[in-house]
């Protein structure tokens, strides 16, 4: 069968005690009450009291300055921290979308869709028999060498040597008895023949080609007589004026016929198993070759790009 990403504010320098006494005395004279403690009984200022007052003033001012600095630093720190948080939120959202905690699955508005399948069934592969049943589809070249290639054939270990081959459009000219009229009546286009020989038994197989399957089937059913034996290429005349085995069958638009007999002219009887076996082998070979022709054309059609 030739088939898936403080600096703390500096404390202000404090002026000396002498500067404070001179400033108030020069600007306001004796009309303004002195901010300093009264002088001692000798008219000399109480320098100890002045020192204590000056130190207390510095401490109050220092705490105010330092406290203000802490507050300022806290405010600045809050602003900076807020800016960092806002900046990070903007960057993360802008670049990465919603931030998802490590180890958790990203939220989804809808479940992940599953695979989809087409609801349309694919077309069935071409049937080889369709291509050998109608001449409008059966366009492959047809010849004797195409149907019967090589110099021999082997069926189930039995080897046959090929003899002569022929091809003609005059279907009736290669027949015996009433077969020619049957072929002509049913529109035979061509007959291709080949002869094979083995152990003194010769078989001629003839393939008749018709426009349709129906015509080939009629020719098989109406067959009388037989295909004419084909001698030559080492095979001498056979099935002349003797009894031989004739058979007819069909597939698609092809009807095929066999004529088998002894090369020595001996009559064929029902007990001559070698003749029956040879006829079966050549008939099977013809069927296989015709079907292979259909399969080859079907495979080519299946692989062709769709328009």
C-alpha atoms as a PDB file:
ATOM      1  CA  UNK A   1       0.000   0.000   0.000  1.00  0.00           C
ATOM      2  CA  UNK A   2       2.080   1.951  -2.264  1.00  0.00           C
ATOM      3  CA  UNK A   3      -0.255   6.104   3.673  1.00  0.00           C
ATOM      4  CA  UNK A   4       1.108  25.389  24.885  1.00  0.00           C
ATOM      5  CA  UNK A   5      14.042  52.758  47.331  1.00  0.00           C
ATOM      6  CA  UNK A   6      19.709  68.936  62.685  1.00  0.00           C
ATOM      7  CA  UNK A   7      21.599  70.706  62.830  1.00  0.00           C
ATOM      8  CA  UNK A   8      20.536  72.383  66.041  1.00  0.00           C
ATOM      9  CA  UNK A   9      20.360  76.211  65.901  1.00  0.00           C
ATOM     10  CA  UNK A  10      23.466  77.827  67.432  1.00  0.00           C
ATOM     11  CA  UNK A  11      22.937  79.512  70.865  1.00  0.00           C
ATOM     12  CA  UNK A  12      23.364  83.346  70.533  1.00  0.00           C
ATOM     13  CA  UNK A  13      26.482  84.788  72.103  1.00  0.00           C
ATOM     14  CA  UNK A  14      25.535  86.505  75.511  1.00  0.00           C
ATOM     15  CA  UNK A  15      26.829  90.118  76.209  1.00  0.00           C
ATOM     16  CA  UNK A  16      28.964  90.734  79.362  1.00  0.00           C
ATOM     17  CA  UNK A  17      27.654  92.346  82.596  1.00  0.00           C
ATOM     18  CA  UNK A  18      29.543  95.610  81.956  1.00  0.00           C
ATOM     19  CA  UNK A  19      27.754  96.075  78.684  1.00  0.00           C
ATOM     20  CA  UNK A  20      24.355  95.784  80.299  1.00  0.00           C
ATOM     21  CA  UNK A  21      25.202  98.426  83.061  1.00  0.00           C
ATOM     22  CA  UNK A  22      26.649 100.895  80.592  1.00  0.00           C
ATOM     23  CA  UNK A  23      23.792 100.599  78.120  1.00  0.00           C
ATOM     24  CA  UNK A  24      21.053 101.315  80.618  1.00  0.00           C
ATOM     25  CA  UNK A  25      22.968 104.132  82.386  1.00  0.00           C
ATOM     26  CA  UNK A  26      23.839 105.984  79.174  1.00  0.00           C
ATOM     27  CA  UNK A  27      20.433 105.782  77.589  1.00  0.00           C
ATOM     28  CA  UNK A  28      18.084 106.531  80.499  1.00  0.00           C
ATOM     29  CA  UNK A  29      20.146 108.344  83.170  1.00  0.00           C
ATOM     30  CA  UNK A  30      18.851 108.335  86.767  1.00  0.00           C
ATOM     31  CA  UNK A  31      15.140 108.897  85.906  1.00  0.00           C
ATOM     32  CA  UNK A  32      14.561 105.299  85.055  1.00  0.00           C
ATOM     33  CA  UNK A  33      14.526 102.667  87.737  1.00  0.00           C
ATOM     34  CA  UNK A  34      17.560 100.465  87.557  1.00  0.00           C
ATOM     35  CA  UNK A  35      17.025  96.893  86.560  1.00  0.00           C
ATOM     36  CA  UNK A  36      19.935  95.846  88.782  1.00  0.00           C
ATOM     37  CA  UNK A  37      19.862  95.145  92.541  1.00  0.00           C
ATOM     38  CA  UNK A  38      20.456  98.127  94.851  1.00  0.00           C
ATOM     39  CA  UNK A  39      24.036  99.071  95.789  1.00  0.00           C
ATOM     40  CA  UNK A  40      25.478  98.058  99.131  1.00  0.00           C
ATOM     41  CA  UNK A  41      25.659 100.550 102.063  1.00  0.00           C
ATOM     42  CA  UNK A  42      29.102 101.785 100.944  1.00  0.00           C
ATOM     43  CA  UNK A  43      27.712 103.026  97.623  1.00  0.00           C
ATOM     44  CA  UNK A  44      29.370 100.222  95.773  1.00  0.00           C
ATOM     45  CA  UNK A  45      27.127  97.976  93.661  1.00  0.00           C
ATOM     46  CA  UNK A  46      26.407  94.555  95.024  1.00  0.00           C
ATOM     47  CA  UNK A  47      28.434  92.665  92.424  1.00  0.00           C
ATOM     48  CA  UNK A  48      27.307  89.236  93.701  1.00  0.00           C
ATOM     49  CA  UNK A  49      23.663  90.048  93.253  1.00  0.00           C
ATOM     50  CA  UNK A  50      24.363  91.393  89.764  1.00  0.00           C
ATOM     51  CA  UNK A  51      26.152  88.195  88.830  1.00  0.00           C
ATOM     52  CA  UNK A  52      23.258  86.062  90.070  1.00  0.00           C
ATOM     53  CA  UNK A  53      20.728  88.137  88.123  1.00  0.00           C
ATOM     54  CA  UNK A  54      22.806  87.970  84.963  1.00  0.00           C
ATOM     55  CA  UNK A  55      23.195  84.173  85.223  1.00  0.00           C
ATOM     56  CA  UNK A  56      19.478  83.713  85.778  1.00  0.00           C
ATOM     57  CA  UNK A  57      18.739  85.798  82.705  1.00  0.00           C
ATOM     58  CA  UNK A  58      21.101  83.739  80.603  1.00  0.00           C
ATOM     59  CA  UNK A  59      19.492  80.497  81.727  1.00  0.00           C
ATOM     60  CA  UNK A  60      16.010  81.746  80.891  1.00  0.00           C
ATOM     61  CA  UNK A  61      17.124  82.910  77.469  1.00  0.00           C
ATOM     62  CA  UNK A  62      19.018  79.675  76.837  1.00  0.00           C
ATOM     63  CA  UNK A  63      16.013  77.552  77.593  1.00  0.00           C
ATOM     64  CA  UNK A  64      13.859  79.676  75.351  1.00  0.00           C
ATOM     65  CA  UNK A  65      16.352  79.474  72.537  1.00  0.00           C
ATOM     66  CA  UNK A  66      16.993  75.750  72.947  1.00  0.00           C
ATOM     67  CA  UNK A  67      13.346  74.980  73.401  1.00  0.00           C
ATOM     68  CA  UNK A  68      12.485  76.956  70.317  1.00  0.00           C
ATOM     69  CA  UNK A  69      15.211  75.134  68.453  1.00  0.00           C
ATOM     70  CA  UNK A  70      13.801  71.750  69.463  1.00  0.00           C
ATOM     71  CA  UNK A  71      10.370  72.800  68.381  1.00  0.00           C
ATOM     72  CA  UNK A  72      11.698  74.127  65.090  1.00  0.00           C
ATOM     73  CA  UNK A  73      13.644  70.928  64.520  1.00  0.00           C
ATOM     74  CA  UNK A  74      10.587  68.801  65.243  1.00  0.00           C
ATOM     75  CA  UNK A  75       8.496  70.840  62.841  1.00  0.00           C
ATOM     76  CA  UNK A  76      11.153  70.635  60.142  1.00  0.00           C
ATOM     77  CA  UNK A  77      11.552  66.905  60.760  1.00  0.00           C
ATOM     78  CA  UNK A  78       7.812  66.375  60.455  1.00  0.00           C
ATOM     79  CA  UNK A  79       7.731  68.256  57.171  1.00  0.00           C
ATOM     80  CA  UNK A  80      10.674  66.273  55.795  1.00  0.00           C
ATOM     81  CA  UNK A  81       9.180  62.939  56.884  1.00  0.00           C
ATOM     82  CA  UNK A  82       5.822  63.836  55.357  1.00  0.00           C
ATOM     83  CA  UNK A  83       7.518  64.837  52.131  1.00  0.00           C
ATOM     84  CA  UNK A  84       9.399  61.527  52.015  1.00  0.00           C
ATOM     85  CA  UNK A  85       6.229  59.534  52.556  1.00  0.00           C
ATOM     86  CA  UNK A  86       4.376  61.497  49.911  1.00  0.00           C
ATOM     87  CA  UNK A  87       7.272  61.154  47.499  1.00  0.00           C
ATOM     88  CA  UNK A  88       7.453  57.390  48.031  1.00  0.00           C
ATOM     89  CA  UNK A  89       3.723  57.029  47.552  1.00  0.00           C
ATOM     90  CA  UNK A  90       3.885  58.976  44.319  1.00  0.00           C
ATOM     91  CA  UNK A  91       6.871  56.998  42.997  1.00  0.00           C
ATOM     92  CA  UNK A  92       5.473  53.618  43.963  1.00  0.00           C
ATOM     93  CA  UNK A  93       2.066  54.333  42.531  1.00  0.00           C
ATOM     94  CA  UNK A  94       3.395  55.915  39.396  1.00  0.00           C
ATOM     95  CA  UNK A  95       5.947  53.200  38.654  1.00  0.00           C
ATOM     96  CA  UNK A  96       4.597  50.063  40.237  1.00  0.00           C
ATOM     97  CA  UNK A  97       0.889  50.579  40.724  1.00  0.00           C
ATOM     98  CA  UNK A  98      -0.751  49.499  43.950  1.00  0.00           C
ATOM     99  CA  UNK A  99       1.806  48.290  46.520  1.00  0.00           C
ATOM    100  CA  UNK A 100       1.160  44.722  47.592  1.00  0.00           C
ATOM    101  CA  UNK A 101       2.591  43.291  50.856  1.00  0.00           C
ATOM    102  CA  UNK A 102       5.332  40.705  50.336  1.00  0.00           C
ATOM    103  CA  UNK A 103       4.006  37.172  50.113  1.00  0.00           C
ATOM    104  CA  UNK A 104       0.442  38.088  49.237  1.00  0.00           C
ATOM    105  CA  UNK A 105      -1.216  37.718  45.887  1.00  0.00           C
ATOM    106  CA  UNK A 106      -2.031  40.777  43.831  1.00  0.00           C
ATOM    107  CA  UNK A 107      -5.726  41.726  44.064  1.00  0.00           C
ATOM    108  CA  UNK A 108      -7.765  41.123  40.962  1.00  0.00           C
ATOM    109  CA  UNK A 109     -11.099  42.542  39.927  1.00  0.00           C
ATOM    110  CA  UNK A 110     -12.010  39.312  38.188  1.00  0.00           C
ATOM    111  CA  UNK A 111     -10.820  35.680  38.223  1.00  0.00           C
ATOM    112  CA  UNK A 112      -8.103  34.605  35.796  1.00  0.00           C
ATOM    113  CA  UNK A 113      -9.787  33.399  32.623  1.00  0.00           C
ATOM    114  CA  UNK A 114      -9.350  29.768  31.712  1.00  0.00           C
ATOM    115  CA  UNK A 115      -8.482  28.376  28.298  1.00  0.00           C
ATOM    116  CA  UNK A 116     -11.009  28.798  25.564  1.00  0.00           C
ATOM    117  CA  UNK A 117     -11.896  26.341  22.878  1.00  0.00           C
ATOM    118  CA  UNK A 118     -13.508  26.851  19.537  1.00  0.00           C
ATOM    119  CA  UNK A 119     -17.071  25.615  19.329  1.00  0.00           C
ATOM    120  CA  UNK A 120     -16.579  24.860  15.646  1.00  0.00           C
ATOM    121  CA  UNK A 121     -15.389  21.340  14.945  1.00  0.00           C
ATOM    122  CA  UNK A 122     -12.475  21.049  12.499  1.00  0.00           C
ATOM    123  CA  UNK A 123     -13.365  19.675   9.105  1.00  0.00           C
ATOM    124  CA  UNK A 124     -12.772  15.959   8.604  1.00  0.00           C
ATOM    125  CA  UNK A 125      -9.691  14.950   6.605  1.00  0.00           C
ATOM    126  CA  UNK A 126     -10.277  14.345   2.900  1.00  0.00           C
ATOM    127  CA  UNK A 127     -11.382  10.848   1.953  1.00  0.00           C
ATOM    128  CA  UNK A 128      -8.948   9.222  -0.511  1.00  0.00           C
ATOM    129  CA  UNK A 129     -11.819   7.481  -2.257  1.00  0.00           C
ATOM    130  CA  UNK A 130     -13.356  10.864  -3.150  1.00  0.00           C
ATOM    131  CA  UNK A 131     -10.314  11.615  -5.325  1.00  0.00           C
ATOM    132  CA  UNK A 132     -10.430   8.372  -7.275  1.00  0.00           C
ATOM    133  CA  UNK A 133     -14.192   8.395  -7.770  1.00  0.00           C
ATOM    134  CA  UNK A 134     -14.580  11.492  -9.952  1.00  0.00           C
ATOM    135  CA  UNK A 135     -12.437  12.608 -12.871  1.00  0.00           C
ATOM    136  CA  UNK A 136     -12.903  16.282 -11.809  1.00  0.00           C
ATOM    137  CA  UNK A 137     -10.892  15.569  -8.636  1.00  0.00           C
ATOM    138  CA  UNK A 138      -8.619  12.799  -9.888  1.00  0.00           C
ATOM    139  CA  UNK A 139      -5.987  15.010 -11.556  1.00  0.00           C
ATOM    140  CA  UNK A 140      -2.740  13.211 -10.745  1.00  0.00           C
ATOM    141  CA  UNK A 141      -0.719  11.902 -13.715  1.00  0.00           C
ATOM    142  CA  UNK A 142      -1.708   8.408 -14.787  1.00  0.00           C
ATOM    143  CA  UNK A 143       0.593   5.969 -16.600  1.00  0.00           C
ATOM    144  CA  UNK A 144       1.579   2.326 -16.763  1.00  0.00           C
ATOM    145  CA  UNK A 145       4.818   2.991 -14.881  1.00  0.00           C
ATOM    146  CA  UNK A 146       2.913   4.976 -12.229  1.00  0.00           C
ATOM    147  CA  UNK A 147       0.487   2.142 -11.560  1.00  0.00           C
ATOM    148  CA  UNK A 148       2.996  -0.665 -11.998  1.00  0.00           C
ATOM    149  CA  UNK A 149       6.455   0.647 -11.004  1.00  0.00           C
ATOM    150  CA  UNK A 150       9.760  -1.190 -10.932  1.00  0.00           C
ATOM    151  CA  UNK A 151      10.769  -4.515 -12.402  1.00  0.00           C
ATOM    152  CA  UNK A 152       9.119  -6.777  -9.856  1.00  0.00           C
ATOM    153  CA  UNK A 153       6.684  -6.833  -6.961  1.00  0.00           C
ATOM    154  CA  UNK A 154       6.454  -8.889  -3.784  1.00  0.00           C
ATOM    155  CA  UNK A 155       3.224  -9.840  -2.042  1.00  0.00           C
ATOM    156  CA  UNK A 156       3.445 -11.645   1.312  1.00  0.00           C
ATOM    157  CA  UNK A 157       6.899 -12.895   0.433  1.00  0.00           C
ATOM    158  CA  UNK A 158       5.940 -14.025  -3.046  1.00  0.00           C
ATOM    159  CA  UNK A 159       8.056 -12.327  -5.711  1.00  0.00           C
ATOM    160  CA  UNK A 160       6.769 -11.676  -9.227  1.00  0.00           C
ATOM    161  CA  UNK A 161       8.821 -10.529 -12.187  1.00  0.00           C
ATOM    162  CA  UNK A 162       7.261  -7.831 -14.332  1.00  0.00           C
ATOM    163  CA  UNK A 163       6.931  -8.390 -18.038  1.00  0.00           C
ATOM    164  CA  UNK A 164       5.435  -6.068 -20.640  1.00  0.00           C
ATOM    165  CA  UNK A 165       3.186  -3.056 -20.002  1.00  0.00           C
ATOM    166  CA  UNK A 166       0.839  -1.089 -22.262  1.00  0.00           C
ATOM    167  CA  UNK A 167      -1.602   1.836 -22.207  1.00  0.00           C
ATOM    168  CA  UNK A 168      -4.302   2.650 -24.749  1.00  0.00           C
ATOM    169  CA  UNK A 169      -7.413   4.770 -25.163  1.00  0.00           C
ATOM    170  CA  UNK A 170      -8.919   2.139 -27.443  1.00  0.00           C
ATOM    171  CA  UNK A 171     -10.362   0.138 -24.588  1.00  0.00           C
ATOM    172  CA  UNK A 172     -12.041  -2.566 -26.668  1.00  0.00           C
ATOM    173  CA  UNK A 173      -8.825  -3.429 -28.516  1.00  0.00           C
ATOM    174  CA  UNK A 174      -7.270  -5.056 -25.459  1.00  0.00           C
ATOM    175  CA  UNK A 175     -10.138  -7.263 -24.460  1.00  0.00           C
ATOM    176  CA  UNK A 176     -11.545 -10.719 -25.200  1.00  0.00           C
ATOM    177  CA  UNK A 177     -15.123 -11.735 -25.674  1.00  0.00           C
ATOM    178  CA  UNK A 178     -17.816  -9.224 -24.795  1.00  0.00           C
ATOM    179  CA  UNK A 179     -15.728  -7.127 -22.424  1.00  0.00           C
ATOM    180  CA  UNK A 180     -14.844  -4.562 -25.100  1.00  0.00           C
ATOM    181  CA  UNK A 181     -18.477  -3.656 -25.705  1.00  0.00           C
ATOM    182  CA  UNK A 182     -19.110  -3.329 -21.980  1.00  0.00           C
ATOM    183  CA  UNK A 183     -16.171  -0.985 -21.537  1.00  0.00           C
ATOM    184  CA  UNK A 184     -17.184   1.145 -24.497  1.00  0.00           C
ATOM    185  CA  UNK A 185     -20.835   1.365 -23.414  1.00  0.00           C
ATOM    186  CA  UNK A 186     -19.894   2.642 -19.965  1.00  0.00           C
ATOM    187  CA  UNK A 187     -17.511   5.317 -21.257  1.00  0.00           C
ATOM    188  CA  UNK A 188     -14.085   3.742 -20.775  1.00  0.00           C
ATOM    189  CA  UNK A 189     -11.335   6.326 -21.287  1.00  0.00           C
ATOM    190  CA  UNK A 190      -8.232   4.121 -21.103  1.00  0.00           C
ATOM    191  CA  UNK A 191      -6.961   0.681 -20.279  1.00  0.00           C
ATOM    192  CA  UNK A 192      -3.515   0.165 -18.714  1.00  0.00           C
ATOM    193  CA  UNK A 193      -2.078  -3.344 -18.600  1.00  0.00           C
ATOM    194  CA  UNK A 194       0.927  -5.148 -17.070  1.00  0.00           C
ATOM    195  CA  UNK A 195       1.944  -8.804 -16.950  1.00  0.00           C
ATOM    196  CA  UNK A 196       3.742 -10.575 -14.062  1.00  0.00           C
ATOM    197  CA  UNK A 197       5.131 -14.077 -13.950  1.00  0.00           C
ATOM    198  CA  UNK A 198       6.151 -16.539 -11.205  1.00  0.00           C
ATOM    199  CA  UNK A 199       6.959 -20.235 -11.369  1.00  0.00           C
ATOM    200  CA  UNK A 200       5.317 -20.835 -14.714  1.00  0.00           C
ATOM    201  CA  UNK A 201       2.168 -18.877 -13.931  1.00  0.00           C
ATOM    202  CA  UNK A 202       1.538 -15.604 -15.801  1.00  0.00           C
ATOM    203  CA  UNK A 203      -1.025 -12.971 -14.871  1.00  0.00           C
ATOM    204  CA  UNK A 204      -2.103  -9.942 -16.906  1.00  0.00           C
ATOM    205  CA  UNK A 205      -3.857  -7.202 -14.905  1.00  0.00           C
ATOM    206  CA  UNK A 206      -5.770  -4.529 -16.796  1.00  0.00           C
ATOM    207  CA  UNK A 207      -7.086  -1.300 -15.216  1.00  0.00           C
ATOM    208  CA  UNK A 208      -9.921   0.423 -17.092  1.00  0.00           C
ATOM    209  CA  UNK A 209     -10.548   4.099 -16.303  1.00  0.00           C
ATOM    210  CA  UNK A 210     -14.050   5.646 -16.351  1.00  0.00           C
ATOM    211  CA  UNK A 211     -15.413   9.184 -15.751  1.00  0.00           C
ATOM    212  CA  UNK A 212     -17.343   8.201 -12.610  1.00  0.00           C
ATOM    213  CA  UNK A 213     -17.558   5.534  -9.951  1.00  0.00           C
ATOM    214  CA  UNK A 214     -20.980   4.519 -11.129  1.00  0.00           C
ATOM    215  CA  UNK A 215     -19.727   3.788 -14.624  1.00  0.00           C
ATOM    216  CA  UNK A 216     -16.862   1.618 -13.336  1.00  0.00           C
ATOM    217  CA  UNK A 217     -19.243  -0.311 -11.101  1.00  0.00           C
ATOM    218  CA  UNK A 218     -21.544  -1.037 -14.021  1.00  0.00           C
ATOM    219  CA  UNK A 219     -18.670  -2.248 -16.147  1.00  0.00           C
ATOM    220  CA  UNK A 220     -17.629  -4.695 -13.427  1.00  0.00           C
ATOM    221  CA  UNK A 221     -21.141  -6.022 -12.955  1.00  0.00           C
ATOM    222  CA  UNK A 222     -21.737  -6.397 -16.710  1.00  0.00           C
ATOM    223  CA  UNK A 223     -18.334  -7.875 -17.505  1.00  0.00           C
ATOM    224  CA  UNK A 224     -18.155 -10.854 -19.819  1.00  0.00           C
ATOM    225  CA  UNK A 225     -15.090 -12.205 -21.532  1.00  0.00           C
ATOM    226  CA  UNK A 226     -11.894 -10.797 -20.107  1.00  0.00           C
ATOM    227  CA  UNK A 227      -8.806  -8.675 -20.470  1.00  0.00           C
ATOM    228  CA  UNK A 228      -6.485  -9.836 -23.207  1.00  0.00           C
ATOM    229  CA  UNK A 229      -3.231 -11.454 -21.939  1.00  0.00           C
ATOM    230  CA  UNK A 230      -0.115  -9.372 -22.621  1.00  0.00           C
ATOM    231  CA  UNK A 231       3.010 -11.219 -23.657  1.00  0.00           C
ATOM    232  CA  UNK A 232       6.510  -9.898 -24.214  1.00  0.00           C
ATOM    233  CA  UNK A 233       9.563  -8.832 -22.199  1.00  0.00           C
ATOM    234  CA  UNK A 234      10.424 -12.437 -21.378  1.00  0.00           C
ATOM    235  CA  UNK A 235       6.886 -13.747 -21.149  1.00  0.00           C
ATOM    236  CA  UNK A 236       5.644 -15.844 -24.014  1.00  0.00           C
ATOM    237  CA  UNK A 237       2.101 -16.197 -25.186  1.00  0.00           C
ATOM    238  CA  UNK A 238      -0.355 -17.644 -22.673  1.00  0.00           C
ATOM    239  CA  UNK A 239      -4.091 -18.120 -22.283  1.00  0.00           C
ATOM    240  CA  UNK A 240      -4.584 -18.721 -25.971  1.00  0.00           C
ATOM    241  CA  UNK A 241      -7.055 -21.427 -26.861  1.00  0.00           C
ATOM    242  CA  UNK A 242      -7.095 -22.804 -23.338  1.00  0.00           C
ATOM    243  CA  UNK A 243      -8.874 -22.384 -20.033  1.00  0.00           C
ATOM    244  CA  UNK A 244      -7.651 -19.518 -17.787  1.00  0.00           C
ATOM    245  CA  UNK A 245      -8.872 -17.770 -14.645  1.00  0.00           C
ATOM    246  CA  UNK A 246     -10.660 -14.454 -15.252  1.00  0.00           C
ATOM    247  CA  UNK A 247     -11.753 -12.006 -12.510  1.00  0.00           C
ATOM    248  CA  UNK A 248     -13.272  -8.471 -12.358  1.00  0.00           C
ATOM    249  CA  UNK A 249     -13.541  -5.876  -9.569  1.00  0.00           C
ATOM    250  CA  UNK A 250     -13.655  -2.073  -9.090  1.00  0.00           C
ATOM    251  CA  UNK A 251     -12.800   0.803  -6.759  1.00  0.00           C
ATOM    252  CA  UNK A 252     -13.767   4.393  -7.398  1.00  0.00           C
ATOM    253  CA  UNK A 253     -13.811   5.136 -11.106  1.00  0.00           C
ATOM    254  CA  UNK A 254     -11.477   2.246 -11.874  1.00  0.00           C
ATOM    255  CA  UNK A 255     -12.457  -1.264 -12.854  1.00  0.00           C
ATOM    256  CA  UNK A 256      -9.673  -3.833 -12.848  1.00  0.00           C
ATOM    257  CA  UNK A 257      -9.514  -7.245 -14.447  1.00  0.00           C
ATOM    258  CA  UNK A 258      -7.083 -10.187 -14.244  1.00  0.00           C
ATOM    259  CA  UNK A 259      -6.414 -13.130 -16.517  1.00  0.00           C
ATOM    260  CA  UNK A 260      -4.165 -15.854 -15.076  1.00  0.00           C
ATOM    261  CA  UNK A 261      -2.888 -19.119 -16.569  1.00  0.00           C
ATOM    262  CA  UNK A 262       0.029 -21.364 -17.165  1.00  0.00           C
ATOM    263  CA  UNK A 263       2.772 -20.254 -19.510  1.00  0.00           C
ATOM    264  CA  UNK A 264       2.879 -23.766 -20.991  1.00  0.00           C
ATOM    265  CA  UNK A 265      -0.738 -23.632 -22.099  1.00  0.00           C
ATOM    266  CA  UNK A 266      -2.072 -26.046 -19.512  1.00  0.00           C
ATOM    267  CA  UNK A 267      -5.740 -25.659 -18.618  1.00  0.00           C
ATOM    268  CA  UNK A 268      -6.519 -24.148 -15.234  1.00  0.00           C
ATOM    269  CA  UNK A 269      -8.680 -26.142 -12.836  1.00  0.00           C
ATOM    270  CA  UNK A 270     -10.138 -25.386  -9.395  1.00  0.00           C
ATOM    271  CA  UNK A 271      -7.316 -27.375  -7.828  1.00  0.00           C
ATOM    272  CA  UNK A 272      -4.589 -25.108  -9.244  1.00  0.00           C
ATOM    273  CA  UNK A 273      -3.982 -23.073  -6.115  1.00  0.00           C
ATOM    274  CA  UNK A 274      -0.897 -21.343  -7.532  1.00  0.00           C
ATOM    275  CA  UNK A 275      -2.996 -19.754 -10.265  1.00  0.00           C
ATOM    276  CA  UNK A 276      -5.680 -18.585  -7.827  1.00  0.00           C
ATOM    277  CA  UNK A 277      -3.027 -17.225  -5.483  1.00  0.00           C
ATOM    278  CA  UNK A 278      -1.304 -15.316  -8.286  1.00  0.00           C
ATOM    279  CA  UNK A 279      -4.638 -13.869  -9.429  1.00  0.00           C
ATOM    280  CA  UNK A 280      -5.430 -12.770  -5.849  1.00  0.00           C
ATOM    281  CA  UNK A 281      -1.971 -11.177  -5.436  1.00  0.00           C
ATOM    282  CA  UNK A 282      -2.171  -9.147  -8.640  1.00  0.00           C
ATOM    283  CA  UNK A 283      -5.761  -8.087  -7.969  1.00  0.00           C
ATOM    284  CA  UNK A 284      -4.774  -6.921  -4.467  1.00  0.00           C
ATOM    285  CA  UNK A 285      -1.754  -5.089  -5.867  1.00  0.00           C
ATOM    286  CA  UNK A 286      -3.926  -3.233  -8.411  1.00  0.00           C
ATOM    287  CA  UNK A 287      -6.409  -2.258  -5.673  1.00  0.00           C
ATOM    288  CA  UNK A 288      -3.591  -0.995  -3.430  1.00  0.00           C
ATOM    289  CA  UNK A 289      -2.031   1.070  -6.209  1.00  0.00           C
ATOM    290  CA  UNK A 290      -5.320   2.747  -7.106  1.00  0.00           C
ATOM    291  CA  UNK A 291      -6.126   3.491  -3.457  1.00  0.00           C
ATOM    292  CA  UNK A 292      -2.587   4.854  -2.884  1.00  0.00           C
ATOM    293  CA  UNK A 293      -3.252   7.251  -5.764  1.00  0.00           C
ATOM    294  CA  UNK A 294      -6.351   8.552  -3.933  1.00  0.00           C
ATOM    295  CA  UNK A 295      -4.520   8.814  -0.624  1.00  0.00           C
ATOM    296  CA  UNK A 296      -1.654  10.753  -2.160  1.00  0.00           C
ATOM    297  CA  UNK A 297      -4.035  13.328  -3.634  1.00  0.00           C
ATOM    298  CA  UNK A 298      -6.033  13.577  -0.374  1.00  0.00           C
ATOM    299  CA  UNK A 299      -2.849  14.232   1.622  1.00  0.00           C
ATOM    300  CA  UNK A 300      -1.787  16.941  -0.817  1.00  0.00           C
ATOM    301  CA  UNK A 301      -5.211  18.589  -0.530  1.00  0.00           C
ATOM    302  CA  UNK A 302      -5.126  18.486   3.303  1.00  0.00           C
ATOM    303  CA  UNK A 303      -1.696  20.188   3.368  1.00  0.00           C
ATOM    304  CA  UNK A 304      -2.585  22.855   0.819  1.00  0.00           C
ATOM    305  CA  UNK A 305      -3.094  26.448   2.201  1.00  0.00           C
ATOM    306  CA  UNK A 306      -6.729  27.520   2.498  1.00  0.00           C
ATOM    307  CA  UNK A 307      -7.838  30.345   0.217  1.00  0.00           C
END
